[in-house]
Amino acid sequence: MKIVVVDDEPTIVLMCRRVLESQGHTVHGFTNVHAALSQLETEAADLLVVDYKMPELNGLEFVQRAWALRPGLRVVMITAHGTREVMGRASDSGVQSIVLKPFTPTELAKGVAAAVERIDTPPPD
């Protein structure tokens, strides 16, 4: 599976890459939202792992732009701001899975599996 990881913290991007690549996925990691969007413009991906709180765009804004480029993209949102409001907005917008920071490699893998398996909530067209 091709996965794009977007988080403004380089250590989180690196950890996600290591975990997901060890599971056999092809992973492109970004700390800059514009570079990640450029990647999605030119190359398809199957899944997006994106942080909620980033300096230029929040995760939901980023997801909307990503879906405009790649409508079938599955999404795992990672966040340290797991308030009921944030989680509700993410779920209502069509995000398939939410993983709370700090997370373990196992929790990330489960979040990815949940996003892929959630066929009851297809991404918005």
PDB file of N, CA and C in Angstrom:
ATOM      1  N   MET A   1       0.843  -1.168   0.000  1.00  0.00           N
ATOM      2  CA  MET A   1       0.000   0.000   0.000  1.00  0.00           C
ATOM      3  C   MET A   1       0.891   1.234   0.000  1.00  0.00           C
ATOM      4  N   LYS A   2       0.486   2.266  -0.741  1.00  0.00           N
ATOM      5  CA  LYS A   2       1.217   3.534  -0.750  1.00  0.00           C
ATOM      6  C   LYS A   2       0.592   4.469   0.283  1.00  0.00           C
ATOM      7  N   ILE A   3       1.438   4.947   1.188  1.00  0.00           N
ATOM      8  CA  ILE A   3       0.971   5.776   2.301  1.00  0.00           C
ATOM      9  C   ILE A   3       1.735   7.096   2.311  1.00  0.00           C
ATOM     10  N   VAL A   4       0.996   8.194   2.544  1.00  0.00           N
ATOM     11  CA  VAL A   4       1.590   9.514   2.721  1.00  0.00           C
ATOM     12  C   VAL A   4       1.381   9.909   4.181  1.00  0.00           C
ATOM     13  N   VAL A   5       2.473  10.274   4.854  1.00  0.00           N
ATOM     14  CA  VAL A   5       2.432  10.710   6.250  1.00  0.00           C
ATOM     15  C   VAL A   5       2.753  12.201   6.292  1.00  0.00           C
ATOM     16  N   VAL A   6       1.899  12.971   6.997  1.00  0.00           N
ATOM     17  CA  VAL A   6       2.094  14.419   7.096  1.00  0.00           C
ATOM     18  C   VAL A   6       1.976  14.831   8.560  1.00  0.00           C
ATOM     19  N   ASP A   7       3.060  15.363   9.096  1.00  0.00           N
ATOM     20  CA  ASP A   7       3.083  15.865  10.474  1.00  0.00           C
ATOM     21  C   ASP A   7       4.193  16.899  10.539  1.00  0.00           C
ATOM     22  N   ASP A   8       3.971  17.991  11.264  1.00  0.00           N
ATOM     23  CA  ASP A   8       5.004  19.027  11.338  1.00  0.00           C
ATOM     24  C   ASP A   8       6.158  18.630  12.259  1.00  0.00           C
ATOM     25  N   GLU A   9       6.033  17.511  12.960  1.00  0.00           N
ATOM     26  CA  GLU A   9       7.113  17.023  13.830  1.00  0.00           C
ATOM     27  C   GLU A   9       7.911  15.946  13.092  1.00  0.00           C
ATOM     28  N   PRO A  10       9.171  16.232  12.731  1.00  0.00           N
ATOM     29  CA  PRO A  10       9.978  15.253  11.990  1.00  0.00           C
ATOM     30  C   PRO A  10      10.093  13.898  12.683  1.00  0.00           C
ATOM     31  N   THR A  11      10.146  13.877  14.014  1.00  0.00           N
ATOM     32  CA  THR A  11      10.290  12.597  14.716  1.00  0.00           C
ATOM     33  C   THR A  11       9.048  11.721  14.543  1.00  0.00           C
ATOM     34  N   ILE A  12       7.883  12.344  14.482  1.00  0.00           N
ATOM     35  CA  ILE A  12       6.644  11.574  14.271  1.00  0.00           C
ATOM     36  C   ILE A  12       6.628  10.997  12.857  1.00  0.00           C
ATOM     37  N   VAL A  13       7.021  11.821  11.877  1.00  0.00           N
ATOM     38  CA  VAL A  13       7.069  11.346  10.489  1.00  0.00           C
ATOM     39  C   VAL A  13       8.033  10.161  10.384  1.00  0.00           C
ATOM     40  N   LEU A  14       9.199  10.282  10.996  1.00  0.00           N
ATOM     41  CA  LEU A  14      10.198   9.211  10.945  1.00  0.00           C
ATOM     42  C   LEU A  14       9.676   7.929  11.600  1.00  0.00           C
ATOM     43  N   MET A  15       9.059   8.062  12.753  1.00  0.00           N
ATOM     44  CA  MET A  15       8.527   6.890  13.443  1.00  0.00           C
ATOM     45  C   MET A  15       7.436   6.221  12.610  1.00  0.00           C
ATOM     46  N   CYS A  16       6.530   7.010  12.040  1.00  0.00           N
ATOM     47  CA  CYS A  16       5.472   6.446  11.198  1.00  0.00           C
ATOM     48  C   CYS A  16       6.070   5.732   9.990  1.00  0.00           C
ATOM     49  N   ARG A  17       7.066   6.352   9.369  1.00  0.00           N
ATOM     50  CA  ARG A  17       7.708   5.720   8.212  1.00  0.00           C
ATOM     51  C   ARG A  17       8.316   4.381   8.589  1.00  0.00           C
ATOM     52  N   ARG A  18       9.054   4.353   9.688  1.00  0.00           N
ATOM     53  CA  ARG A  18       9.714   3.111  10.108  1.00  0.00           C
ATOM     54  C   ARG A  18       8.696   2.002  10.380  1.00  0.00           C
ATOM     55  N   VAL A  19       7.650   2.340  11.109  1.00  0.00           N
ATOM     56  CA  VAL A  19       6.638   1.342  11.461  1.00  0.00           C
ATOM     57  C   VAL A  19       5.946   0.822  10.207  1.00  0.00           C
ATOM     58  N   LEU A  20       5.504   1.736   9.359  1.00  0.00           N
ATOM     59  CA  LEU A  20       4.712   1.333   8.191  1.00  0.00           C
ATOM     60  C   LEU A  20       5.567   0.660   7.116  1.00  0.00           C
ATOM     61  N   GLU A  21       6.811   1.113   6.946  1.00  0.00           N
ATOM     62  CA  GLU A  21       7.706   0.445   5.994  1.00  0.00           C
ATOM     63  C   GLU A  21       8.048  -0.962   6.467  1.00  0.00           C
ATOM     64  N   SER A  22       8.160  -1.152   7.780  1.00  0.00           N
ATOM     65  CA  SER A  22       8.462  -2.488   8.306  1.00  0.00           C
ATOM     66  C   SER A  22       7.317  -3.462   8.042  1.00  0.00           C
ATOM     67  N   GLN A  23       6.144  -2.932   7.760  1.00  0.00           N
ATOM     68  CA  GLN A  23       4.984  -3.767   7.427  1.00  0.00           C
ATOM     69  C   GLN A  23       4.847  -3.959   5.922  1.00  0.00           C
ATOM     70  N   GLY A  24       5.832  -3.455   5.165  1.00  0.00           N
ATOM     71  CA  GLY A  24       5.839  -3.671   3.730  1.00  0.00           C
ATOM     72  C   GLY A  24       5.193  -2.566   2.897  1.00  0.00           C
ATOM     73  N   HIS A  25       4.800  -1.466   3.525  1.00  0.00           N
ATOM     74  CA  HIS A  25       4.179  -0.365   2.796  1.00  0.00           C
ATOM     75  C   HIS A  25       5.237   0.551   2.182  1.00  0.00           C
ATOM     76  N   THR A  26       4.869   1.232   1.114  1.00  0.00           N
ATOM     77  CA  THR A  26       5.697   2.294   0.552  1.00  0.00           C
ATOM     78  C   THR A  26       5.223   3.582   1.200  1.00  0.00           C
ATOM     79  N   VAL A  27       6.138   4.306   1.857  1.00  0.00           N
ATOM     80  CA  VAL A  27       5.742   5.470   2.649  1.00  0.00           C
ATOM     81  C   VAL A  27       6.523   6.702   2.216  1.00  0.00           C
ATOM     82  N   HIS A  28       5.789   7.799   2.006  1.00  0.00           N
ATOM     83  CA  HIS A  28       6.390   9.102   1.744  1.00  0.00           C
ATOM     84  C   HIS A  28       6.020   9.992   2.929  1.00  0.00           C
ATOM     85  N   GLY A  29       7.025  10.564   3.587  1.00  0.00           N
ATOM     86  CA  GLY A  29       6.775  11.382   4.762  1.00  0.00           C
ATOM     87  C   GLY A  29       7.069  12.845   4.501  1.00  0.00           C
ATOM     88  N   PHE A  30       6.236  13.715   5.078  1.00  0.00           N
ATOM     89  CA  PHE A  30       6.369  15.157   4.867  1.00  0.00           C
ATOM     90  C   PHE A  30       6.134  15.919   6.165  1.00  0.00           C
ATOM     91  N   THR A  31       6.923  16.980   6.348  1.00  0.00           N
ATOM     92  CA  THR A  31       6.682  17.906   7.452  1.00  0.00           C
ATOM     93  C   THR A  31       6.079  19.209   6.934  1.00  0.00           C
ATOM     94  N   ASN A  32       5.920  19.307   5.635  1.00  0.00           N
ATOM     95  CA  ASN A  32       5.376  20.503   4.998  1.00  0.00           C
ATOM     96  C   ASN A  32       4.108  20.122   4.231  1.00  0.00           C
ATOM     97  N   VAL A  33       2.999  20.785   4.542  1.00  0.00           N
ATOM     98  CA  VAL A  33       1.721  20.425   3.918  1.00  0.00           C
ATOM     99  C   VAL A  33       1.719  20.672   2.415  1.00  0.00           C
ATOM    100  N   HIS A  34       2.404  21.719   1.967  1.00  0.00           N
ATOM    101  CA  HIS A  34       2.412  22.030   0.534  1.00  0.00           C
ATOM    102  C   HIS A  34       3.202  20.985  -0.259  1.00  0.00           C
ATOM    103  N   ALA A  35       4.298  20.519   0.308  1.00  0.00           N
ATOM    104  CA  ALA A  35       5.067  19.457  -0.348  1.00  0.00           C
ATOM    105  C   ALA A  35       4.244  18.168  -0.419  1.00  0.00           C
ATOM    106  N   ALA A  36       3.494  17.881   0.632  1.00  0.00           N
ATOM    107  CA  ALA A  36       2.656  16.683   0.640  1.00  0.00           C
ATOM    108  C   ALA A  36       1.549  16.786  -0.406  1.00  0.00           C
ATOM    109  N   LEU A  37       0.943  17.951  -0.523  1.00  0.00           N
ATOM    110  CA  LEU A  37      -0.102  18.134  -1.537  1.00  0.00           C
ATOM    111  C   LEU A  37       0.479  18.018  -2.942  1.00  0.00           C
ATOM    112  N   SER A  38       1.682  18.537  -3.140  1.00  0.00           N
ATOM    113  CA  SER A  38       2.344  18.402  -4.447  1.00  0.00           C
ATOM    114  C   SER A  38       2.571  16.929  -4.781  1.00  0.00           C
ATOM    115  N   GLN A  39       2.972  16.150  -3.787  1.00  0.00           N
ATOM    116  CA  GLN A  39       3.162  14.713  -3.980  1.00  0.00           C
ATOM    117  C   GLN A  39       1.846  14.059  -4.407  1.00  0.00           C
ATOM    118  N   LEU A  40       0.763  14.415  -3.741  1.00  0.00           N
ATOM    119  CA  LEU A  40      -0.535  13.819  -4.063  1.00  0.00           C
ATOM    120  C   LEU A  40      -1.036  14.248  -5.439  1.00  0.00           C
ATOM    121  N   GLU A  41      -0.616  15.419  -5.891  1.00  0.00           N
ATOM    122  CA  GLU A  41      -0.990  15.863  -7.242  1.00  0.00           C
ATOM    123  C   GLU A  41      -0.365  14.975  -8.302  1.00  0.00           C
ATOM    124  N   THR A  42       0.867  14.544  -8.054  1.00  0.00           N
ATOM    125  CA  THR A  42       1.608  13.819  -9.088  1.00  0.00           C
ATOM    126  C   THR A  42       1.603  12.311  -8.925  1.00  0.00           C
ATOM    127  N   GLU A  43       1.315  11.821  -7.713  1.00  0.00           N
ATOM    128  CA  GLU A  43       1.383  10.379  -7.476  1.00  0.00           C
ATOM    129  C   GLU A  43       0.233   9.931  -6.587  1.00  0.00           C
ATOM    130  N   ALA A  44      -0.430   8.874  -7.008  1.00  0.00           N
ATOM    131  CA  ALA A  44      -1.545   8.327  -6.231  1.00  0.00           C
ATOM    132  C   ALA A  44      -1.048   7.719  -4.930  1.00  0.00           C
ATOM    133  N   ALA A  45      -1.925   7.701  -3.950  1.00  0.00           N
ATOM    134  CA  ALA A  45      -1.658   7.045  -2.672  1.00  0.00           C
ATOM    135  C   ALA A  45      -2.929   6.322  -2.257  1.00  0.00           C
ATOM    136  N   ASP A  46      -2.779   5.353  -1.381  1.00  0.00           N
ATOM    137  CA  ASP A  46      -3.925   4.603  -0.886  1.00  0.00           C
ATOM    138  C   ASP A  46      -4.427   5.123   0.452  1.00  0.00           C
ATOM    139  N   LEU A  47      -3.480   5.672   1.237  1.00  0.00           N
ATOM    140  CA  LEU A  47      -3.807   6.060   2.597  1.00  0.00           C
ATOM    141  C   LEU A  47      -3.014   7.291   2.992  1.00  0.00           C
ATOM    142  N   LEU A  48      -3.655   8.127   3.794  1.00  0.00           N
ATOM    143  CA  LEU A  48      -3.033   9.334   4.327  1.00  0.00           C
ATOM    144  C   LEU A  48      -3.039   9.241   5.843  1.00  0.00           C
ATOM    145  N   VAL A  49      -1.874   9.449   6.457  1.00  0.00           N
ATOM    146  CA  VAL A  49      -1.764   9.570   7.908  1.00  0.00           C
ATOM    147  C   VAL A  49      -1.401  11.022   8.151  1.00  0.00           C
ATOM    148  N   VAL A  50      -2.292  11.771   8.814  1.00  0.00           N
ATOM    149  CA  VAL A  50      -2.099  13.214   8.930  1.00  0.00           C
ATOM    150  C   VAL A  50      -2.364  13.689  10.356  1.00  0.00           C
ATOM    151  N   ASP A  51      -1.512  14.597  10.811  1.00  0.00           N
ATOM    152  CA  ASP A  51      -1.672  15.213  12.119  1.00  0.00           C
ATOM    153  C   ASP A  51      -2.818  16.214  12.068  1.00  0.00           C
ATOM    154  N   TYR A  52      -3.521  16.369  13.176  1.00  0.00           N
ATOM    155  CA  TYR A  52      -4.605  17.348  13.218  1.00  0.00           C
ATOM    156  C   TYR A  52      -4.067  18.773  13.340  1.00  0.00           C
ATOM    157  N   LYS A  53      -3.117  18.990  14.251  1.00  0.00           N
ATOM    158  CA  LYS A  53      -2.662  20.361  14.532  1.00  0.00           C
ATOM    159  C   LYS A  53      -1.319  20.608  13.864  1.00  0.00           C
ATOM    160  N   MET A  54      -1.373  21.412  12.790  1.00  0.00           N
ATOM    161  CA  MET A  54      -0.158  21.791  12.067  1.00  0.00           C
ATOM    162  C   MET A  54      -0.217  23.298  11.839  1.00  0.00           C
ATOM    163  N   PRO A  55       0.934  23.942  11.607  1.00  0.00           N
ATOM    164  CA  PRO A  55       0.956  25.401  11.545  1.00  0.00           C
ATOM    165  C   PRO A  55       0.218  26.033  10.357  1.00  0.00           C
ATOM    166  N   GLU A  56       0.293  25.459   9.174  1.00  0.00           N
ATOM    167  CA  GLU A  56      -0.281  26.136   8.012  1.00  0.00           C
ATOM    168  C   GLU A  56      -1.728  25.749   7.733  1.00  0.00           C
ATOM    169  N   LEU A  57      -2.030  24.493   7.896  1.00  0.00           N
ATOM    170  CA  LEU A  57      -3.392  23.974   7.735  1.00  0.00           C
ATOM    171  C   LEU A  57      -3.631  22.978   8.847  1.00  0.00           C
ATOM    172  N   ASN A  58      -4.860  22.937   9.372  1.00  0.00           N
ATOM    173  CA  ASN A  58      -5.093  21.852  10.319  1.00  0.00           C
ATOM    174  C   ASN A  58      -5.362  20.583   9.515  1.00  0.00           C
ATOM    175  N   GLY A  59      -5.354  19.466  10.185  1.00  0.00           N
ATOM    176  CA  GLY A  59      -5.488  18.188   9.503  1.00  0.00           C
ATOM    177  C   GLY A  59      -6.756  18.059   8.676  1.00  0.00           C
ATOM    178  N   LEU A  60      -7.866  18.597   9.185  1.00  0.00           N
ATOM    179  CA  LEU A  60      -9.125  18.506   8.441  1.00  0.00           C
ATOM    180  C   LEU A  60      -9.080  19.347   7.167  1.00  0.00           C
ATOM    181  N   GLU A  61      -8.479  20.515   7.247  1.00  0.00           N
ATOM    182  CA  GLU A  61      -8.320  21.345   6.040  1.00  0.00           C
ATOM    183  C   GLU A  61      -7.437  20.621   5.022  1.00  0.00           C
ATOM    184  N   PHE A  62      -6.370  20.015   5.524  1.00  0.00           N
ATOM    185  CA  PHE A  62      -5.468  19.273   4.637  1.00  0.00           C
ATOM    186  C   PHE A  62      -6.204  18.110   3.978  1.00  0.00           C
ATOM    187  N   VAL A  63      -6.981  17.380   4.756  1.00  0.00           N
ATOM    188  CA  VAL A  63      -7.719  16.230   4.230  1.00  0.00           C
ATOM    189  C   VAL A  63      -8.677  16.661   3.116  1.00  0.00           C
ATOM    190  N   GLN A  64      -9.352  17.768   3.309  1.00  0.00           N
ATOM    191  CA  GLN A  64     -10.283  18.238   2.270  1.00  0.00           C
ATOM    192  C   GLN A  64      -9.534  18.523   0.962  1.00  0.00           C
ATOM    193  N   ARG A  65      -8.378  19.141   1.057  1.00  0.00           N
ATOM    194  CA  ARG A  65      -7.573  19.409  -0.146  1.00  0.00           C
ATOM    195  C   ARG A  65      -7.042  18.114  -0.757  1.00  0.00           C
ATOM    196  N   ALA A  66      -6.645  17.188   0.106  1.00  0.00           N
ATOM    197  CA  ALA A  66      -6.146  15.900  -0.391  1.00  0.00           C
ATOM    198  C   ALA A  66      -7.263  15.146  -1.110  1.00  0.00           C
ATOM    199  N   TRP A  67      -8.472  15.148  -0.552  1.00  0.00           N
ATOM    200  CA  TRP A  67      -9.596  14.464  -1.190  1.00  0.00           C
ATOM    201  C   TRP A  67      -9.979  15.114  -2.521  1.00  0.00           C
ATOM    202  N   ALA A  68      -9.756  16.422  -2.643  1.00  0.00           N
ATOM    203  CA  ALA A  68     -10.026  17.078  -3.926  1.00  0.00           C
ATOM    204  C   ALA A  68      -9.085  16.529  -5.004  1.00  0.00           C
ATOM    205  N   LEU A  69      -7.864  16.163  -4.607  1.00  0.00           N
ATOM    206  CA  LEU A  69      -6.889  15.599  -5.538  1.00  0.00           C
ATOM    207  C   LEU A  69      -7.059  14.094  -5.710  1.00  0.00           C
ATOM    208  N   ARG A  70      -7.353  13.400  -4.636  1.00  0.00           N
ATOM    209  CA  ARG A  70      -7.424  11.926  -4.609  1.00  0.00           C
ATOM    210  C   ARG A  70      -8.677  11.503  -3.835  1.00  0.00           C
ATOM    211  N   PRO A  71      -9.836  11.507  -4.495  1.00  0.00           N
ATOM    212  CA  PRO A  71     -11.099  11.240  -3.794  1.00  0.00           C
ATOM    213  C   PRO A  71     -11.184   9.907  -3.050  1.00  0.00           C
ATOM    214  N   GLY A  72     -10.505   8.881  -3.472  1.00  0.00           N
ATOM    215  CA  GLY A  72     -10.605   7.585  -2.814  1.00  0.00           C
ATOM    216  C   GLY A  72      -9.657   7.373  -1.658  1.00  0.00           C
ATOM    217  N   LEU A  73      -8.918   8.394  -1.282  1.00  0.00           N
ATOM    218  CA  LEU A  73      -7.885   8.287  -0.247  1.00  0.00           C
ATOM    219  C   LEU A  73      -8.499   7.973   1.117  1.00  0.00           C
ATOM    220  N   ARG A  74      -7.996   6.930   1.774  1.00  0.00           N
ATOM    221  CA  ARG A  74      -8.395   6.599   3.146  1.00  0.00           C
ATOM    222  C   ARG A  74      -7.557   7.459   4.086  1.00  0.00           C
ATOM    223  N   VAL A  75      -8.100   7.777   5.284  1.00  0.00           N
ATOM    224  CA  VAL A  75      -7.412   8.712   6.176  1.00  0.00           C
ATOM    225  C   VAL A  75      -7.367   8.209   7.609  1.00  0.00           C
ATOM    226  N   VAL A  76      -6.145   8.293   8.175  1.00  0.00           N
ATOM    227  CA  VAL A  76      -5.928   8.110   9.606  1.00  0.00           C
ATOM    228  C   VAL A  76      -5.479   9.463  10.134  1.00  0.00           C
ATOM    229  N   MET A  77      -6.233  10.025  11.087  1.00  0.00           N
ATOM    230  CA  MET A  77      -5.822  11.279  11.700  1.00  0.00           C
ATOM    231  C   MET A  77      -5.127  10.966  13.011  1.00  0.00           C
ATOM    232  N   ILE A  78      -3.941  11.567  13.198  1.00  0.00           N
ATOM    233  CA  ILE A  78      -3.222  11.427  14.461  1.00  0.00           C
ATOM    234  C   ILE A  78      -3.288  12.767  15.175  1.00  0.00           C
ATOM    235  N   THR A  79      -3.512  12.722  16.484  1.00  0.00           N
ATOM    236  CA  THR A  79      -3.661  13.975  17.214  1.00  0.00           C
ATOM    237  C   THR A  79      -3.375  13.826  18.700  1.00  0.00           C
ATOM    238  N   ALA A  80      -2.801  14.876  19.241  1.00  0.00           N
ATOM    239  CA  ALA A  80      -2.640  14.980  20.691  1.00  0.00           C
ATOM    240  C   ALA A  80      -3.812  15.762  21.272  1.00  0.00           C
ATOM    241  N   HIS A  81      -4.684  16.242  20.391  1.00  0.00           N
ATOM    242  CA  HIS A  81      -5.831  17.069  20.787  1.00  0.00           C
ATOM    243  C   HIS A  81      -7.108  16.266  20.597  1.00  0.00           C
ATOM    244  N   GLY A  82      -7.190  15.146  21.312  1.00  0.00           N
ATOM    245  CA  GLY A  82      -8.302  14.222  21.138  1.00  0.00           C
ATOM    246  C   GLY A  82      -9.548  14.625  21.895  1.00  0.00           C
ATOM    247  N   THR A  83      -9.927  15.890  21.785  1.00  0.00           N
ATOM    248  CA  THR A  83     -11.155  16.328  22.428  1.00  0.00           C
ATOM    249  C   THR A  83     -12.351  15.731  21.697  1.00  0.00           C
ATOM    250  N   ARG A  84     -13.458  15.704  22.365  1.00  0.00           N
ATOM    251  CA  ARG A  84     -14.690  15.191  21.760  1.00  0.00           C
ATOM    252  C   ARG A  84     -15.028  15.983  20.497  1.00  0.00           C
ATOM    253  N   GLU A  85     -14.818  17.302  20.536  1.00  0.00           N
ATOM    254  CA  GLU A  85     -15.124  18.152  19.377  1.00  0.00           C
ATOM    255  C   GLU A  85     -14.247  17.793  18.174  1.00  0.00           C
ATOM    256  N   VAL A  86     -12.932  17.694  18.376  1.00  0.00           N
ATOM    257  CA  VAL A  86     -12.012  17.373  17.283  1.00  0.00           C
ATOM    258  C   VAL A  86     -12.318  15.991  16.723  1.00  0.00           C
ATOM    259  N   MET A  87     -12.518  15.025  17.601  1.00  0.00           N
ATOM    260  CA  MET A  87     -12.774  13.664  17.143  1.00  0.00           C
ATOM    261  C   MET A  87     -14.117  13.575  16.406  1.00  0.00           C
ATOM    262  N   GLY A  88     -15.098  14.298  16.890  1.00  0.00           N
ATOM    263  CA  GLY A  88     -16.394  14.320  16.224  1.00  0.00           C
ATOM    264  C   GLY A  88     -16.318  14.956  14.856  1.00  0.00           C
ATOM    265  N   ARG A  89     -15.605  16.079  14.753  1.00  0.00           N
ATOM    266  CA  ARG A  89     -15.454  16.747  13.460  1.00  0.00           C
ATOM    267  C   ARG A  89     -14.719  15.842  12.470  1.00  0.00           C
ATOM    268  N   ALA A  90     -13.684  15.167  12.942  1.00  0.00           N
ATOM    269  CA  ALA A  90     -12.927  14.275  12.056  1.00  0.00           C
ATOM    270  C   ALA A  90     -13.819  13.136  11.562  1.00  0.00           C
ATOM    271  N   SER A  91     -14.540  12.531  12.467  1.00  0.00           N
ATOM    272  CA  SER A  91     -15.414  11.421  12.096  1.00  0.00           C
ATOM    273  C   SER A  91     -16.525  11.888  11.155  1.00  0.00           C
ATOM    274  N   ASP A  92     -17.136  13.022  11.462  1.00  0.00           N
ATOM    275  CA  ASP A  92     -18.215  13.562  10.625  1.00  0.00           C
ATOM    276  C   ASP A  92     -17.727  13.922   9.228  1.00  0.00           C
ATOM    277  N   SER A  93     -16.458  14.305   9.101  1.00  0.00           N
ATOM    278  CA  SER A  93     -15.932  14.709   7.797  1.00  0.00           C
ATOM    279  C   SER A  93     -15.592  13.501   6.916  1.00  0.00           C
ATOM    280  N   GLY A  94     -15.546  12.304   7.507  1.00  0.00           N
ATOM    281  CA  GLY A  94     -15.256  11.109   6.722  1.00  0.00           C
ATOM    282  C   GLY A  94     -13.928  10.459   7.021  1.00  0.00           C
ATOM    283  N   VAL A  95     -13.189  10.973   8.005  1.00  0.00           N
ATOM    284  CA  VAL A  95     -11.932  10.347   8.415  1.00  0.00           C
ATOM    285  C   VAL A  95     -12.253   8.953   8.943  1.00  0.00           C
ATOM    286  N   GLN A  96     -11.539   7.947   8.454  1.00  0.00           N
ATOM    287  CA  GLN A  96     -11.861   6.569   8.804  1.00  0.00           C
ATOM    288  C   GLN A  96     -11.318   6.114  10.158  1.00  0.00           C
ATOM    289  N   SER A  97     -10.217   6.727  10.633  1.00  0.00           N
ATOM    290  CA  SER A  97      -9.601   6.254  11.865  1.00  0.00           C
ATOM    291  C   SER A  97      -8.876   7.417  12.554  1.00  0.00           C
ATOM    292  N   ILE A  98      -8.880   7.399  13.884  1.00  0.00           N
ATOM    293  CA  ILE A  98      -8.192   8.422  14.675  1.00  0.00           C
ATOM    294  C   ILE A  98      -7.270   7.717  15.659  1.00  0.00           C
ATOM    295  N   VAL A  99      -6.015   8.163  15.720  1.00  0.00           N
ATOM    296  CA  VAL A  99      -5.026   7.608  16.643  1.00  0.00           C
ATOM    297  C   VAL A  99      -4.528   8.746  17.524  1.00  0.00           C
ATOM    298  N   LEU A 100      -4.611   8.559  18.828  1.00  0.00           N
ATOM    299  CA  LEU A 100      -4.215   9.601  19.770  1.00  0.00           C
ATOM    300  C   LEU A 100      -2.725   9.539  20.073  1.00  0.00           C
ATOM    301  N   LYS A 101      -2.092  10.720  20.066  1.00  0.00           N
ATOM    302  CA  LYS A 101      -0.686  10.850  20.460  1.00  0.00           C
ATOM    303  C   LYS A 101      -0.613  10.946  21.972  1.00  0.00           C
ATOM    304  N   PRO A 102       0.432  10.449  22.579  1.00  0.00           N
ATOM    305  CA  PRO A 102       1.482   9.636  21.972  1.00  0.00           C
ATOM    306  C   PRO A 102       0.938   8.240  21.695  1.00  0.00           C
ATOM    307  N   PHE A 103       1.410   7.655  20.609  1.00  0.00           N
ATOM    308  CA  PHE A 103       0.931   6.323  20.235  1.00  0.00           C
ATOM    309  C   PHE A 103       2.111   5.379  20.066  1.00  0.00           C
ATOM    310  N   THR A 104       1.811   4.102  20.188  1.00  0.00           N
ATOM    311  CA  THR A 104       2.815   3.058  20.009  1.00  0.00           C
ATOM    312  C   THR A 104       2.782   2.586  18.551  1.00  0.00           C
ATOM    313  N   PRO A 105       3.805   1.885  18.117  1.00  0.00           N
ATOM    314  CA  PRO A 105       3.755   1.308  16.774  1.00  0.00           C
ATOM    315  C   PRO A 105       2.529   0.412  16.562  1.00  0.00           C
ATOM    316  N   THR A 106       2.148  -0.340  17.585  1.00  0.00           N
ATOM    317  CA  THR A 106       0.974  -1.211  17.489  1.00  0.00           C
ATOM    318  C   THR A 106      -0.299  -0.397  17.307  1.00  0.00           C
ATOM    319  N   GLU A 107      -0.427   0.706  18.043  1.00  0.00           N
ATOM    320  CA  GLU A 107      -1.617   1.560  17.913  1.00  0.00           C
ATOM    321  C   GLU A 107      -1.697   2.184  16.524  1.00  0.00           C
ATOM    322  N   LEU A 108      -0.549   2.587  15.976  1.00  0.00           N
ATOM    323  CA  LEU A 108      -0.535   3.127  14.622  1.00  0.00           C
ATOM    324  C   LEU A 108      -0.961   2.056  13.623  1.00  0.00           C
ATOM    325  N   ALA A 109      -0.411   0.874  13.746  1.00  0.00           N
ATOM    326  CA  ALA A 109      -0.754  -0.223  12.835  1.00  0.00           C
ATOM    327  C   ALA A 109      -2.243  -0.560  12.922  1.00  0.00           C
ATOM    328  N   LYS A 110      -2.802  -0.557  14.126  1.00  0.00           N
ATOM    329  CA  LYS A 110      -4.232  -0.823  14.289  1.00  0.00           C
ATOM    330  C   LYS A 110      -5.071   0.284  13.659  1.00  0.00           C
ATOM    331  N   GLY A 111      -4.628   1.527  13.791  1.00  0.00           N
ATOM    332  CA  GLY A 111      -5.348   2.640  13.179  1.00  0.00           C
ATOM    333  C   GLY A 111      -5.361   2.544  11.667  1.00  0.00           C
ATOM    334  N   VAL A 112      -4.235   2.160  11.090  1.00  0.00           N
ATOM    335  CA  VAL A 112      -4.144   1.978   9.636  1.00  0.00           C
ATOM    336  C   VAL A 112      -5.055   0.837   9.201  1.00  0.00           C
ATOM    337  N   ALA A 113      -5.001  -0.276   9.923  1.00  0.00           N
ATOM    338  CA  ALA A 113      -5.857  -1.418   9.585  1.00  0.00           C
ATOM    339  C   ALA A 113      -7.332  -1.042   9.674  1.00  0.00           C
ATOM    340  N   ALA A 114      -7.700  -0.279  10.692  1.00  0.00           N
ATOM    341  CA  ALA A 114      -9.092   0.147  10.854  1.00  0.00           C
ATOM    342  C   ALA A 114      -9.540   1.035   9.698  1.00  0.00           C
ATOM    343  N   ALA A 115      -8.676   1.934   9.259  1.00  0.00           N
ATOM    344  CA  ALA A 115      -9.026   2.825   8.148  1.00  0.00           C
ATOM    345  C   ALA A 115      -9.231   2.047   6.862  1.00  0.00           C
ATOM    346  N   VAL A 116      -8.406   1.047   6.637  1.00  0.00           N
ATOM    347  CA  VAL A 116      -8.499   0.250   5.417  1.00  0.00           C
ATOM    348  C   VAL A 116      -9.743  -0.642   5.460  1.00  0.00           C
ATOM    349  N   GLU A 117     -10.052  -1.149   6.642  1.00  0.00           N
ATOM    350  CA  GLU A 117     -11.169  -2.081   6.781  1.00  0.00           C
ATOM    351  C   GLU A 117     -12.522  -1.397   6.848  1.00  0.00           C
ATOM    352  N   ARG A 118     -12.562  -0.108   7.124  1.00  0.00           N
ATOM    353  CA  ARG A 118     -13.840   0.591   7.271  1.00  0.00           C
ATOM    354  C   ARG A 118     -14.500   0.793   5.924  1.00  0.00           C
ATOM    355  N   ILE A 119     -15.226  -0.194   5.471  1.00  0.00           N
ATOM    356  CA  ILE A 119     -15.914  -0.075   4.194  1.00  0.00           C
ATOM    357  C   ILE A 119     -17.296   0.546   4.353  1.00  0.00           C
ATOM    358  N   ASP A 120     -17.747   0.669   5.606  1.00  0.00           N
ATOM    359  CA  ASP A 120     -19.067   1.255   5.840  1.00  0.00           C
ATOM    360  C   ASP A 120     -19.071   2.771   5.688  1.00  0.00           C
ATOM    361  N   THR A 121     -17.898   3.401   5.729  1.00  0.00           N
ATOM    362  CA  THR A 121     -17.809   4.843   5.596  1.00  0.00           C
ATOM    363  C   THR A 121     -16.828   5.188   4.486  1.00  0.00           C
ATOM    364  N   PRO A 122     -17.291   5.174   3.238  1.00  0.00           N
ATOM    365  CA  PRO A 122     -16.375   5.509   2.157  1.00  0.00           C
ATOM    366  C   PRO A 122     -15.981   6.977   2.207  1.00  0.00           C
ATOM    367  N   PRO A 123     -14.805   7.315   1.695  1.00  0.00           N
ATOM    368  CA  PRO A 123     -14.393   8.716   1.651  1.00  0.00           C
ATOM    369  C   PRO A 123     -15.389   9.521   0.824  1.00  0.00           C
ATOM    370  N   PRO A 124     -15.574  10.810   1.141  1.00  0.00           N
ATOM    371  CA  PRO A 124     -16.475  11.646   0.360  1.00  0.00           C
ATOM    372  C   PRO A 124     -16.013  11.750  -1.085  1.00  0.00           C
ATOM    373  N   ASP A 125     -16.967  11.826  -2.003  1.00  0.00           N
ATOM    374  CA  ASP A 125     -16.623  11.988  -3.423  1.00  0.00           C
ATOM    375  C   ASP A 125     -16.412  13.431  -3.784  1.00  0.00           C
TER     376      ASP A 125
END
